[in-house]
Amino acid sequence: MNLRNYGWLLGTTLLVGGVGGVLAGFLVAWEQLGGSVGNFIVGTLVNLLVGLTIAVLAEMGFFAYMTLNYLVISFLKNATLWKVIQIGLILFTAFDMVYLRYSAFGQGGPIWPFVMEPLILLAIAVIAAYAKVRLTNPNAWIPTIFFLFVVTVIEWVPGLRQNNMSSALFMIVPLLFCNIWQVMHLHRLTNKSS
């Protein structure tokens, strides 16, 4: 990837994250945006800035994964083993997301709310991976699911630690917008560079 393509990806990811932040603000805190035009403008601007901040986090996670992927494949010299490890980490992350959150916040209540979050995120990751495979090749399945599930959960930890659906939703919307955007455009940018 050359510098121009990297700049384009960074800029568009920031834009997508800002839009995701504004959309998440409308979904989560619509009633706080009412009252006056000034309140609406300032609230929307704050949501935009939070979305831009989350986009920077998503960008860092994307390039951290790309570096990790390159290093592990170079070290193992076996892409199949790395895919098996990624599947194991997907399962481990899904289990931990349920177990750790239920242990911390469940207080003996029903477990299904803690199971729904990883299942919904995994379903979104699978749908996006299907679209990625249709655009590229079948080898994109596991890396796309891994990135969109495991890396997104790692980036989502500050929102999940609040045990507040509004906080979790406000953070996951821009994260998913950015991560899906980056995954879906990576092959186009690397093809342009080569």
N, C-alpha and C. Protein backbone atom coordinates (compact mmCIF):
# COMPACT_ATOMS: atom_id res chain seq x y z
N MET A 1 0.86 -1.17 0.00
CA MET A 1 0.00 0.00 0.00
C MET A 1 0.90 1.23 0.00
N ASN A 2 0.67 2.13 -0.93
CA ASN A 2 1.49 3.34 -0.97
C ASN A 2 0.88 4.42 -0.06
N LEU A 3 1.62 5.51 0.05
CA LEU A 3 1.21 6.57 0.97
C LEU A 3 -0.10 7.23 0.56
N ARG A 4 -0.33 7.39 -0.73
CA ARG A 4 -1.57 8.00 -1.21
C ARG A 4 -2.77 7.13 -0.82
N ASN A 5 -2.65 5.82 -1.03
CA ASN A 5 -3.75 4.92 -0.69
C ASN A 5 -3.98 4.89 0.82
N TYR A 6 -2.88 4.91 1.59
CA TYR A 6 -3.02 4.94 3.04
C TYR A 6 -3.73 6.22 3.48
N GLY A 7 -3.35 7.34 2.89
CA GLY A 7 -4.00 8.62 3.21
C GLY A 7 -5.48 8.60 2.88
N TRP A 8 -5.82 8.00 1.72
CA TRP A 8 -7.23 7.91 1.34
C TRP A 8 -7.99 7.05 2.35
N LEU A 9 -7.40 5.90 2.73
CA LEU A 9 -8.08 5.03 3.69
C LEU A 9 -8.24 5.71 5.04
N LEU A 10 -7.22 6.40 5.49
CA LEU A 10 -7.29 7.12 6.76
C LEU A 10 -8.37 8.20 6.72
N GLY A 11 -8.37 9.00 5.67
CA GLY A 11 -9.35 10.08 5.57
C GLY A 11 -10.78 9.59 5.46
N THR A 12 -10.99 8.59 4.63
CA THR A 12 -12.36 8.07 4.49
C THR A 12 -12.82 7.34 5.73
N THR A 13 -11.89 6.66 6.42
CA THR A 13 -12.26 5.99 7.67
C THR A 13 -12.66 7.01 8.72
N LEU A 14 -11.95 8.13 8.78
CA LEU A 14 -12.34 9.20 9.71
C LEU A 14 -13.73 9.72 9.37
N LEU A 15 -13.98 9.93 8.09
CA LEU A 15 -15.30 10.41 7.66
C LEU A 15 -16.39 9.41 8.03
N VAL A 16 -16.15 8.13 7.76
CA VAL A 16 -17.14 7.09 8.08
C VAL A 16 -17.35 7.01 9.59
N GLY A 17 -16.27 7.13 10.37
CA GLY A 17 -16.39 7.12 11.83
C GLY A 17 -17.18 8.31 12.35
N GLY A 18 -16.95 9.47 11.75
CA GLY A 18 -17.71 10.66 12.16
C GLY A 18 -19.19 10.50 11.88
N VAL A 19 -19.51 9.98 10.69
CA VAL A 19 -20.93 9.72 10.36
C VAL A 19 -21.51 8.69 11.32
N GLY A 20 -20.73 7.64 11.63
CA GLY A 20 -21.19 6.62 12.58
C GLY A 20 -21.43 7.19 13.97
N GLY A 21 -20.56 8.13 14.40
CA GLY A 21 -20.74 8.77 15.69
C GLY A 21 -22.00 9.61 15.75
N VAL A 22 -22.26 10.35 14.68
CA VAL A 22 -23.49 11.17 14.62
C VAL A 22 -24.71 10.26 14.63
N LEU A 23 -24.69 9.19 13.83
CA LEU A 23 -25.81 8.25 13.79
C LEU A 23 -26.02 7.59 15.15
N ALA A 24 -24.93 7.17 15.79
CA ALA A 24 -25.04 6.56 17.12
C ALA A 24 -25.61 7.55 18.12
N GLY A 25 -25.20 8.80 18.02
CA GLY A 25 -25.75 9.84 18.91
C GLY A 25 -27.24 10.01 18.73
N PHE A 26 -27.69 9.96 17.47
CA PHE A 26 -29.13 10.05 17.22
C PHE A 26 -29.86 8.84 17.78
N LEU A 27 -29.26 7.66 17.67
CA LEU A 27 -29.90 6.43 18.17
C LEU A 27 -29.96 6.39 19.69
N VAL A 28 -28.87 6.80 20.32
CA VAL A 28 -28.73 6.61 21.76
C VAL A 28 -29.27 7.79 22.56
N ALA A 29 -29.03 9.00 22.08
CA ALA A 29 -29.34 10.17 22.91
C ALA A 29 -30.15 11.21 22.16
N TRP A 30 -31.17 10.77 21.47
CA TRP A 30 -31.99 11.70 20.69
C TRP A 30 -32.64 12.75 21.59
N GLU A 31 -33.10 12.35 22.76
CA GLU A 31 -33.81 13.29 23.62
C GLU A 31 -32.88 14.38 24.17
N GLN A 32 -31.56 14.10 24.30
CA GLN A 32 -30.63 15.13 24.76
C GLN A 32 -30.31 16.15 23.67
N LEU A 33 -30.59 15.80 22.41
CA LEU A 33 -30.30 16.72 21.31
C LEU A 33 -31.43 17.74 21.10
N GLY A 34 -32.55 17.53 21.75
CA GLY A 34 -33.69 18.44 21.58
C GLY A 34 -33.58 19.67 22.45
N GLY A 35 -34.58 20.48 22.39
CA GLY A 35 -34.65 21.67 23.24
C GLY A 35 -34.39 22.94 22.48
N SER A 36 -33.25 23.04 21.82
CA SER A 36 -32.95 24.25 21.05
C SER A 36 -32.05 23.89 19.88
N VAL A 37 -31.97 24.79 18.94
CA VAL A 37 -31.11 24.58 17.77
C VAL A 37 -29.64 24.51 18.20
N GLY A 38 -29.25 25.37 19.12
CA GLY A 38 -27.88 25.37 19.62
C GLY A 38 -27.52 24.06 20.29
N ASN A 39 -28.45 23.53 21.08
CA ASN A 39 -28.22 22.25 21.75
C ASN A 39 -28.05 21.13 20.73
N PHE A 40 -28.87 21.16 19.68
CA PHE A 40 -28.79 20.15 18.62
C PHE A 40 -27.45 20.24 17.90
N ILE A 41 -27.02 21.45 17.56
CA ILE A 41 -25.76 21.63 16.82
C ILE A 41 -24.57 21.21 17.67
N VAL A 42 -24.53 21.64 18.91
CA VAL A 42 -23.41 21.29 19.78
C VAL A 42 -23.40 19.79 20.06
N GLY A 43 -24.56 19.21 20.33
CA GLY A 43 -24.63 17.76 20.58
C GLY A 43 -24.19 16.96 19.36
N THR A 44 -24.61 17.38 18.19
CA THR A 44 -24.21 16.69 16.96
C THR A 44 -22.71 16.83 16.73
N LEU A 45 -22.16 18.00 17.01
CA LEU A 45 -20.72 18.22 16.86
C LEU A 45 -19.93 17.33 17.83
N VAL A 46 -20.40 17.22 19.06
CA VAL A 46 -19.74 16.35 20.04
C VAL A 46 -19.80 14.90 19.57
N ASN A 47 -20.95 14.46 19.07
CA ASN A 47 -21.07 13.09 18.56
C ASN A 47 -20.14 12.86 17.37
N LEU A 48 -19.99 13.86 16.52
CA LEU A 48 -19.07 13.77 15.38
C LEU A 48 -17.64 13.61 15.88
N LEU A 49 -17.24 14.40 16.86
CA LEU A 49 -15.88 14.32 17.40
C LEU A 49 -15.62 12.98 18.08
N VAL A 50 -16.61 12.46 18.79
CA VAL A 50 -16.45 11.14 19.40
C VAL A 50 -16.33 10.07 18.31
N GLY A 51 -17.11 10.19 17.26
CA GLY A 51 -17.01 9.26 16.14
C GLY A 51 -15.64 9.31 15.48
N LEU A 52 -15.08 10.51 15.33
CA LEU A 52 -13.73 10.65 14.78
C LEU A 52 -12.69 10.00 15.68
N THR A 53 -12.86 10.15 16.99
CA THR A 53 -11.94 9.52 17.94
C THR A 53 -12.01 8.00 17.84
N ILE A 54 -13.21 7.48 17.76
CA ILE A 54 -13.39 6.03 17.62
C ILE A 54 -12.82 5.55 16.29
N ALA A 55 -12.92 6.38 15.25
CA ALA A 55 -12.34 6.01 13.95
C ALA A 55 -10.82 5.89 14.04
N VAL A 56 -10.18 6.75 14.82
CA VAL A 56 -8.73 6.64 15.01
C VAL A 56 -8.39 5.33 15.71
N LEU A 57 -9.18 4.97 16.71
CA LEU A 57 -9.00 3.69 17.40
C LEU A 57 -9.16 2.52 16.43
N ALA A 58 -10.17 2.59 15.57
CA ALA A 58 -10.40 1.53 14.58
C ALA A 58 -9.25 1.44 13.59
N GLU A 59 -8.73 2.59 13.20
CA GLU A 59 -7.60 2.61 12.26
C GLU A 59 -6.37 1.97 12.90
N MET A 60 -6.11 2.27 14.16
CA MET A 60 -4.98 1.66 14.85
C MET A 60 -5.15 0.15 14.97
N GLY A 61 -6.37 -0.28 15.29
CA GLY A 61 -6.63 -1.71 15.38
C GLY A 61 -6.44 -2.41 14.06
N PHE A 62 -6.85 -1.77 12.97
CA PHE A 62 -6.72 -2.36 11.64
C PHE A 62 -5.25 -2.55 11.28
N PHE A 63 -4.46 -1.54 11.47
CA PHE A 63 -3.05 -1.68 11.11
C PHE A 63 -2.29 -2.55 12.10
N ALA A 64 -2.73 -2.62 13.35
CA ALA A 64 -2.14 -3.57 14.28
C ALA A 64 -2.42 -5.00 13.82
N TYR A 65 -3.66 -5.26 13.38
CA TYR A 65 -3.98 -6.59 12.87
C TYR A 65 -3.19 -6.90 11.60
N MET A 66 -3.07 -5.93 10.69
CA MET A 66 -2.32 -6.17 9.46
C MET A 66 -0.86 -6.50 9.76
N THR A 67 -0.27 -5.81 10.73
CA THR A 67 1.11 -6.09 11.13
C THR A 67 1.21 -7.46 11.77
N LEU A 68 0.29 -7.77 12.69
CA LEU A 68 0.28 -9.09 13.33
C LEU A 68 0.13 -10.19 12.29
N ASN A 69 -0.79 -10.03 11.37
CA ASN A 69 -1.03 -11.02 10.33
C ASN A 69 0.25 -11.27 9.52
N TYR A 70 0.91 -10.20 9.12
CA TYR A 70 2.14 -10.33 8.35
C TYR A 70 3.23 -11.04 9.15
N LEU A 71 3.41 -10.64 10.40
CA LEU A 71 4.46 -11.24 11.23
C LEU A 71 4.20 -12.72 11.51
N VAL A 72 2.95 -13.06 11.82
CA VAL A 72 2.64 -14.46 12.15
C VAL A 72 2.80 -15.35 10.92
N ILE A 73 2.32 -14.90 9.78
CA ILE A 73 2.48 -15.70 8.56
C ILE A 73 3.96 -15.84 8.21
N SER A 74 4.74 -14.78 8.39
CA SER A 74 6.18 -14.86 8.13
C SER A 74 6.87 -15.82 9.09
N PHE A 75 6.45 -15.80 10.35
CA PHE A 75 7.07 -16.65 11.37
C PHE A 75 6.65 -18.11 11.21
N LEU A 76 5.36 -18.36 11.03
CA LEU A 76 4.86 -19.73 10.93
C LEU A 76 5.15 -20.37 9.57
N LYS A 77 5.22 -19.55 8.54
CA LYS A 77 5.38 -20.04 7.16
C LYS A 77 4.27 -21.01 6.77
N ASN A 78 3.11 -20.87 7.43
CA ASN A 78 1.99 -21.77 7.16
C ASN A 78 0.70 -21.00 7.41
N ALA A 79 0.06 -20.56 6.34
CA ALA A 79 -1.16 -19.77 6.47
C ALA A 79 -2.31 -20.61 7.04
N THR A 80 -2.31 -21.92 6.80
CA THR A 80 -3.38 -22.77 7.31
C THR A 80 -3.35 -22.84 8.83
N LEU A 81 -2.16 -22.97 9.41
CA LEU A 81 -2.03 -23.00 10.87
C LEU A 81 -2.51 -21.68 11.47
N TRP A 82 -2.18 -20.57 10.83
CA TRP A 82 -2.62 -19.27 11.32
C TRP A 82 -4.14 -19.16 11.27
N LYS A 83 -4.78 -19.73 10.25
CA LYS A 83 -6.24 -19.71 10.18
C LYS A 83 -6.85 -20.54 11.32
N VAL A 84 -6.25 -21.67 11.64
CA VAL A 84 -6.73 -22.51 12.75
C VAL A 84 -6.59 -21.74 14.07
N ILE A 85 -5.46 -21.07 14.24
CA ILE A 85 -5.26 -20.26 15.45
C ILE A 85 -6.31 -19.15 15.53
N GLN A 86 -6.61 -18.51 14.40
CA GLN A 86 -7.61 -17.45 14.38
C GLN A 86 -8.99 -17.98 14.75
N ILE A 87 -9.35 -19.17 14.26
CA ILE A 87 -10.64 -19.78 14.63
C ILE A 87 -10.68 -20.02 16.13
N GLY A 88 -9.59 -20.53 16.69
CA GLY A 88 -9.53 -20.74 18.14
C GLY A 88 -9.68 -19.44 18.91
N LEU A 89 -9.06 -18.38 18.43
CA LEU A 89 -9.17 -17.08 19.10
C LEU A 89 -10.57 -16.48 18.96
N ILE A 90 -11.24 -16.74 17.84
CA ILE A 90 -12.63 -16.29 17.69
C ILE A 90 -13.51 -16.96 18.74
N LEU A 91 -13.37 -18.28 18.89
CA LEU A 91 -14.16 -19.02 19.88
C LEU A 91 -13.82 -18.58 21.30
N PHE A 92 -12.54 -18.39 21.57
CA PHE A 92 -12.10 -17.95 22.89
C PHE A 92 -12.66 -16.57 23.23
N THR A 93 -12.62 -15.67 22.25
CA THR A 93 -13.15 -14.32 22.46
C THR A 93 -14.65 -14.33 22.71
N ALA A 94 -15.38 -15.16 21.94
CA ALA A 94 -16.83 -15.25 22.13
C ALA A 94 -17.15 -15.77 23.53
N PHE A 95 -16.42 -16.82 23.97
CA PHE A 95 -16.64 -17.37 25.30
C PHE A 95 -16.32 -16.33 26.37
N ASP A 96 -15.17 -15.68 26.24
CA ASP A 96 -14.77 -14.69 27.24
C ASP A 96 -15.71 -13.50 27.28
N MET A 97 -16.21 -13.11 26.12
CA MET A 97 -17.12 -11.97 26.10
C MET A 97 -18.38 -12.27 26.91
N VAL A 98 -18.84 -13.51 26.85
CA VAL A 98 -20.02 -13.90 27.64
C VAL A 98 -19.63 -14.12 29.09
N TYR A 99 -18.62 -14.95 29.32
CA TYR A 99 -18.26 -15.36 30.67
C TYR A 99 -17.80 -14.18 31.54
N LEU A 100 -16.88 -13.39 31.03
CA LEU A 100 -16.34 -12.29 31.84
C LEU A 100 -17.39 -11.21 32.13
N ARG A 101 -18.18 -10.89 31.13
CA ARG A 101 -19.21 -9.87 31.37
C ARG A 101 -20.30 -10.40 32.30
N TYR A 102 -20.68 -11.66 32.13
CA TYR A 102 -21.72 -12.23 33.02
C TYR A 102 -21.18 -12.33 34.45
N SER A 103 -19.92 -12.72 34.59
CA SER A 103 -19.32 -12.81 35.94
C SER A 103 -19.27 -11.45 36.61
N ALA A 104 -18.98 -10.40 35.84
CA ALA A 104 -18.85 -9.07 36.42
C ALA A 104 -20.19 -8.39 36.64
N PHE A 105 -21.14 -8.59 35.71
CA PHE A 105 -22.38 -7.80 35.74
C PHE A 105 -23.65 -8.62 35.84
N GLY A 106 -23.56 -9.94 35.72
CA GLY A 106 -24.76 -10.78 35.67
C GLY A 106 -25.54 -10.85 36.96
N GLN A 107 -24.87 -10.91 38.09
CA GLN A 107 -25.48 -10.95 39.42
C GLN A 107 -26.59 -12.00 39.51
N GLY A 108 -26.35 -13.15 38.92
CA GLY A 108 -27.31 -14.25 39.01
C GLY A 108 -28.53 -14.11 38.13
N GLY A 109 -28.58 -13.10 37.31
CA GLY A 109 -29.71 -12.89 36.41
C GLY A 109 -29.59 -13.77 35.16
N PRO A 110 -30.45 -13.53 34.20
CA PRO A 110 -30.41 -14.33 32.98
C PRO A 110 -29.13 -14.06 32.18
N ILE A 111 -28.64 -15.09 31.51
CA ILE A 111 -27.40 -14.98 30.76
C ILE A 111 -27.63 -14.52 29.32
N TRP A 112 -28.87 -14.65 28.83
CA TRP A 112 -29.13 -14.39 27.41
C TRP A 112 -28.74 -13.00 26.94
N PRO A 113 -28.87 -11.91 27.75
CA PRO A 113 -28.42 -10.61 27.23
C PRO A 113 -26.91 -10.58 26.97
N PHE A 114 -26.17 -11.35 27.75
CA PHE A 114 -24.72 -11.38 27.57
C PHE A 114 -24.31 -12.28 26.40
N VAL A 115 -25.19 -13.18 26.01
CA VAL A 115 -24.93 -14.05 24.87
C VAL A 115 -25.31 -13.34 23.57
N MET A 116 -26.29 -12.46 23.62
CA MET A 116 -26.78 -11.82 22.40
C MET A 116 -25.74 -10.90 21.75
N GLU A 117 -24.99 -10.15 22.56
CA GLU A 117 -24.01 -9.23 21.99
C GLU A 117 -22.98 -9.93 21.11
N PRO A 118 -22.30 -10.99 21.61
CA PRO A 118 -21.34 -11.65 20.73
C PRO A 118 -21.99 -12.36 19.55
N LEU A 119 -23.21 -12.88 19.72
CA LEU A 119 -23.87 -13.53 18.59
C LEU A 119 -24.22 -12.53 17.49
N ILE A 120 -24.71 -11.37 17.87
CA ILE A 120 -25.03 -10.34 16.88
C ILE A 120 -23.77 -9.86 16.18
N LEU A 121 -22.72 -9.62 16.96
CA LEU A 121 -21.45 -9.18 16.36
C LEU A 121 -20.88 -10.25 15.44
N LEU A 122 -20.97 -11.51 15.85
CA LEU A 122 -20.48 -12.60 15.00
C LEU A 122 -21.30 -12.72 13.72
N ALA A 123 -22.61 -12.53 13.81
CA ALA A 123 -23.45 -12.57 12.62
C ALA A 123 -23.08 -11.44 11.65
N ILE A 124 -22.83 -10.25 12.18
CA ILE A 124 -22.40 -9.14 11.33
C ILE A 124 -21.06 -9.44 10.68
N ALA A 125 -20.14 -10.04 11.45
CA ALA A 125 -18.83 -10.40 10.91
C ALA A 125 -18.95 -11.44 9.80
N VAL A 126 -19.83 -12.41 9.97
CA VAL A 126 -20.02 -13.45 8.95
C VAL A 126 -20.63 -12.85 7.68
N ILE A 127 -21.61 -11.98 7.83
CA ILE A 127 -22.23 -11.34 6.66
C ILE A 127 -21.20 -10.50 5.91
N ALA A 128 -20.40 -9.72 6.64
CA ALA A 128 -19.37 -8.91 5.99
C ALA A 128 -18.31 -9.80 5.35
N ALA A 129 -17.96 -10.91 6.00
CA ALA A 129 -16.97 -11.83 5.41
C ALA A 129 -17.51 -12.46 4.13
N TYR A 130 -18.80 -12.76 4.11
CA TYR A 130 -19.41 -13.29 2.88
C TYR A 130 -19.29 -12.28 1.75
N ALA A 131 -19.56 -11.01 2.06
CA ALA A 131 -19.43 -9.96 1.04
C ALA A 131 -17.98 -9.82 0.59
N LYS A 132 -17.05 -9.92 1.53
CA LYS A 132 -15.62 -9.81 1.20
C LYS A 132 -15.19 -10.97 0.31
N VAL A 133 -15.65 -12.17 0.61
CA VAL A 133 -15.31 -13.34 -0.21
C VAL A 133 -15.86 -13.17 -1.61
N ARG A 134 -17.06 -12.62 -1.74
CA ARG A 134 -17.63 -12.39 -3.07
C ARG A 134 -16.80 -11.37 -3.86
N LEU A 135 -16.20 -10.41 -3.16
CA LEU A 135 -15.37 -9.41 -3.83
C LEU A 135 -13.97 -9.92 -4.15
N THR A 136 -13.46 -10.84 -3.32
CA THR A 136 -12.07 -11.27 -3.48
C THR A 136 -11.98 -12.77 -3.76
N ASN A 137 -11.72 -13.56 -2.71
CA ASN A 137 -11.58 -15.01 -2.85
C ASN A 137 -11.91 -15.70 -1.53
N PRO A 138 -12.09 -17.02 -1.56
CA PRO A 138 -12.50 -17.74 -0.34
C PRO A 138 -11.49 -17.68 0.81
N ASN A 139 -10.25 -17.33 0.53
CA ASN A 139 -9.26 -17.23 1.60
C ASN A 139 -9.52 -16.06 2.54
N ALA A 140 -10.45 -15.18 2.19
CA ALA A 140 -10.75 -14.01 3.03
C ALA A 140 -11.71 -14.32 4.18
N TRP A 141 -12.33 -15.51 4.20
CA TRP A 141 -13.32 -15.83 5.23
C TRP A 141 -12.79 -15.63 6.64
N ILE A 142 -11.82 -16.43 7.01
CA ILE A 142 -11.35 -16.45 8.40
C ILE A 142 -10.71 -15.13 8.81
N PRO A 143 -9.78 -14.55 8.01
CA PRO A 143 -9.20 -13.27 8.44
C PRO A 143 -10.24 -12.17 8.62
N THR A 144 -11.24 -12.13 7.75
CA THR A 144 -12.26 -11.08 7.87
C THR A 144 -13.10 -11.28 9.12
N ILE A 145 -13.54 -12.51 9.37
CA ILE A 145 -14.31 -12.77 10.58
C ILE A 145 -13.47 -12.49 11.82
N PHE A 146 -12.21 -12.92 11.79
CA PHE A 146 -11.32 -12.68 12.93
C PHE A 146 -11.20 -11.19 13.21
N PHE A 147 -10.90 -10.41 12.17
CA PHE A 147 -10.73 -8.98 12.38
C PHE A 147 -12.02 -8.33 12.87
N LEU A 148 -13.13 -8.64 12.19
CA LEU A 148 -14.39 -7.97 12.54
C LEU A 148 -14.96 -8.44 13.87
N PHE A 149 -14.55 -9.60 14.35
CA PHE A 149 -15.05 -10.05 15.65
C PHE A 149 -14.02 -9.79 16.75
N VAL A 150 -12.86 -10.40 16.66
CA VAL A 150 -11.88 -10.32 17.75
C VAL A 150 -11.34 -8.91 17.92
N VAL A 151 -10.88 -8.30 16.84
CA VAL A 151 -10.29 -6.97 16.95
C VAL A 151 -11.35 -5.94 17.35
N THR A 152 -12.55 -6.09 16.81
CA THR A 152 -13.63 -5.16 17.20
C THR A 152 -13.97 -5.31 18.68
N VAL A 153 -13.98 -6.52 19.21
CA VAL A 153 -14.25 -6.71 20.65
C VAL A 153 -13.15 -6.05 21.47
N ILE A 154 -11.90 -6.19 21.06
CA ILE A 154 -10.80 -5.56 21.80
C ILE A 154 -10.97 -4.04 21.78
N GLU A 155 -11.32 -3.49 20.63
CA GLU A 155 -11.53 -2.04 20.54
C GLU A 155 -12.77 -1.59 21.32
N TRP A 156 -13.72 -2.49 21.48
CA TRP A 156 -15.01 -2.18 22.11
C TRP A 156 -14.96 -2.27 23.63
N VAL A 157 -13.86 -2.74 24.20
CA VAL A 157 -13.77 -2.98 25.65
C VAL A 157 -14.18 -1.76 26.48
N PRO A 158 -13.75 -0.53 26.18
CA PRO A 158 -14.19 0.60 27.01
C PRO A 158 -15.71 0.76 27.06
N GLY A 159 -16.40 0.51 25.96
CA GLY A 159 -17.86 0.60 25.95
C GLY A 159 -18.51 -0.55 26.69
N LEU A 160 -17.88 -1.73 26.63
CA LEU A 160 -18.45 -2.91 27.31
C LEU A 160 -18.25 -2.85 28.82
N ARG A 161 -17.20 -2.19 29.27
CA ARG A 161 -16.92 -2.13 30.71
C ARG A 161 -17.92 -1.28 31.47
N GLN A 162 -18.69 -0.47 30.78
CA GLN A 162 -19.66 0.41 31.43
C GLN A 162 -20.92 -0.35 31.87
N ASN A 163 -21.16 -1.52 31.28
CA ASN A 163 -22.39 -2.28 31.52
C ASN A 163 -23.62 -1.40 31.31
N ASN A 164 -23.59 -0.69 30.21
CA ASN A 164 -24.66 0.25 29.87
C ASN A 164 -24.90 0.09 28.38
N MET A 165 -26.11 -0.26 28.00
CA MET A 165 -26.41 -0.51 26.60
C MET A 165 -26.17 0.72 25.75
N SER A 166 -26.44 1.91 26.26
CA SER A 166 -26.21 3.13 25.50
C SER A 166 -24.73 3.32 25.19
N SER A 167 -23.88 3.09 26.19
CA SER A 167 -22.43 3.23 25.97
C SER A 167 -21.93 2.20 24.96
N ALA A 168 -22.39 0.97 25.12
CA ALA A 168 -21.97 -0.09 24.20
C ALA A 168 -22.43 0.21 22.78
N LEU A 169 -23.67 0.64 22.62
CA LEU A 169 -24.21 0.94 21.29
C LEU A 169 -23.53 2.16 20.69
N PHE A 170 -23.29 3.18 21.51
CA PHE A 170 -22.66 4.40 21.02
C PHE A 170 -21.26 4.13 20.49
N MET A 171 -20.57 3.14 21.07
CA MET A 171 -19.21 2.84 20.62
C MET A 171 -19.18 1.85 19.46
N ILE A 172 -20.09 0.87 19.46
CA ILE A 172 -20.01 -0.18 18.45
C ILE A 172 -20.44 0.30 17.07
N VAL A 173 -21.34 1.24 16.98
CA VAL A 173 -21.81 1.70 15.66
C VAL A 173 -20.65 2.29 14.85
N PRO A 174 -19.92 3.30 15.37
CA PRO A 174 -18.80 3.80 14.57
C PRO A 174 -17.69 2.77 14.36
N LEU A 175 -17.46 1.92 15.36
CA LEU A 175 -16.44 0.88 15.21
C LEU A 175 -16.76 -0.05 14.05
N LEU A 176 -17.99 -0.52 14.00
CA LEU A 176 -18.38 -1.42 12.90
C LEU A 176 -18.34 -0.71 11.56
N PHE A 177 -18.83 0.52 11.52
CA PHE A 177 -18.77 1.28 10.27
C PHE A 177 -17.32 1.33 9.77
N CYS A 178 -16.40 1.71 10.65
CA CYS A 178 -15.00 1.87 10.27
C CYS A 178 -14.34 0.54 9.91
N ASN A 179 -14.53 -0.47 10.74
CA ASN A 179 -13.86 -1.75 10.50
C ASN A 179 -14.36 -2.42 9.22
N ILE A 180 -15.66 -2.38 8.99
CA ILE A 180 -16.20 -2.95 7.76
C ILE A 180 -15.70 -2.14 6.55
N TRP A 181 -15.69 -0.84 6.67
CA TRP A 181 -15.20 0.02 5.59
C TRP A 181 -13.75 -0.34 5.23
N GLN A 182 -12.90 -0.48 6.24
CA GLN A 182 -11.49 -0.78 5.99
C GLN A 182 -11.30 -2.14 5.35
N VAL A 183 -12.01 -3.14 5.86
CA VAL A 183 -11.88 -4.49 5.31
C VAL A 183 -12.35 -4.54 3.86
N MET A 184 -13.44 -3.87 3.58
CA MET A 184 -14.01 -3.93 2.23
C MET A 184 -13.19 -3.17 1.20
N HIS A 185 -12.33 -2.25 1.64
CA HIS A 185 -11.54 -1.48 0.68
C HIS A 185 -10.07 -1.89 0.61
N LEU A 186 -9.62 -2.76 1.50
CA LEU A 186 -8.20 -3.12 1.54
C LEU A 186 -7.74 -3.74 0.22
N HIS A 187 -8.49 -4.67 -0.33
CA HIS A 187 -8.03 -5.34 -1.55
C HIS A 187 -7.94 -4.37 -2.73
N ARG A 188 -8.81 -3.40 -2.78
CA ARG A 188 -8.74 -2.41 -3.87
C ARG A 188 -7.48 -1.56 -3.75
N LEU A 189 -7.14 -1.18 -2.53
CA LEU A 189 -5.97 -0.32 -2.33
C LEU A 189 -4.67 -1.07 -2.54
N THR A 190 -4.61 -2.32 -2.12
CA THR A 190 -3.37 -3.08 -2.33
C THR A 190 -3.21 -3.45 -3.80
N ASN A 191 -4.29 -3.66 -4.52
CA ASN A 191 -4.20 -3.93 -5.96
C ASN A 191 -3.73 -2.70 -6.71
N LYS A 192 -4.18 -1.50 -6.29
CA LYS A 192 -3.74 -0.27 -6.93
C LYS A 192 -2.24 -0.06 -6.71
N SER A 193 -1.76 -0.42 -5.51
CA SER A 193 -0.35 -0.21 -5.19
C SER A 193 0.55 -1.12 -6.00
N SER A 194 0.12 -2.36 -6.18
CA SER A 194 0.96 -3.30 -6.91
C SER A 194 0.73 -3.15 -8.39
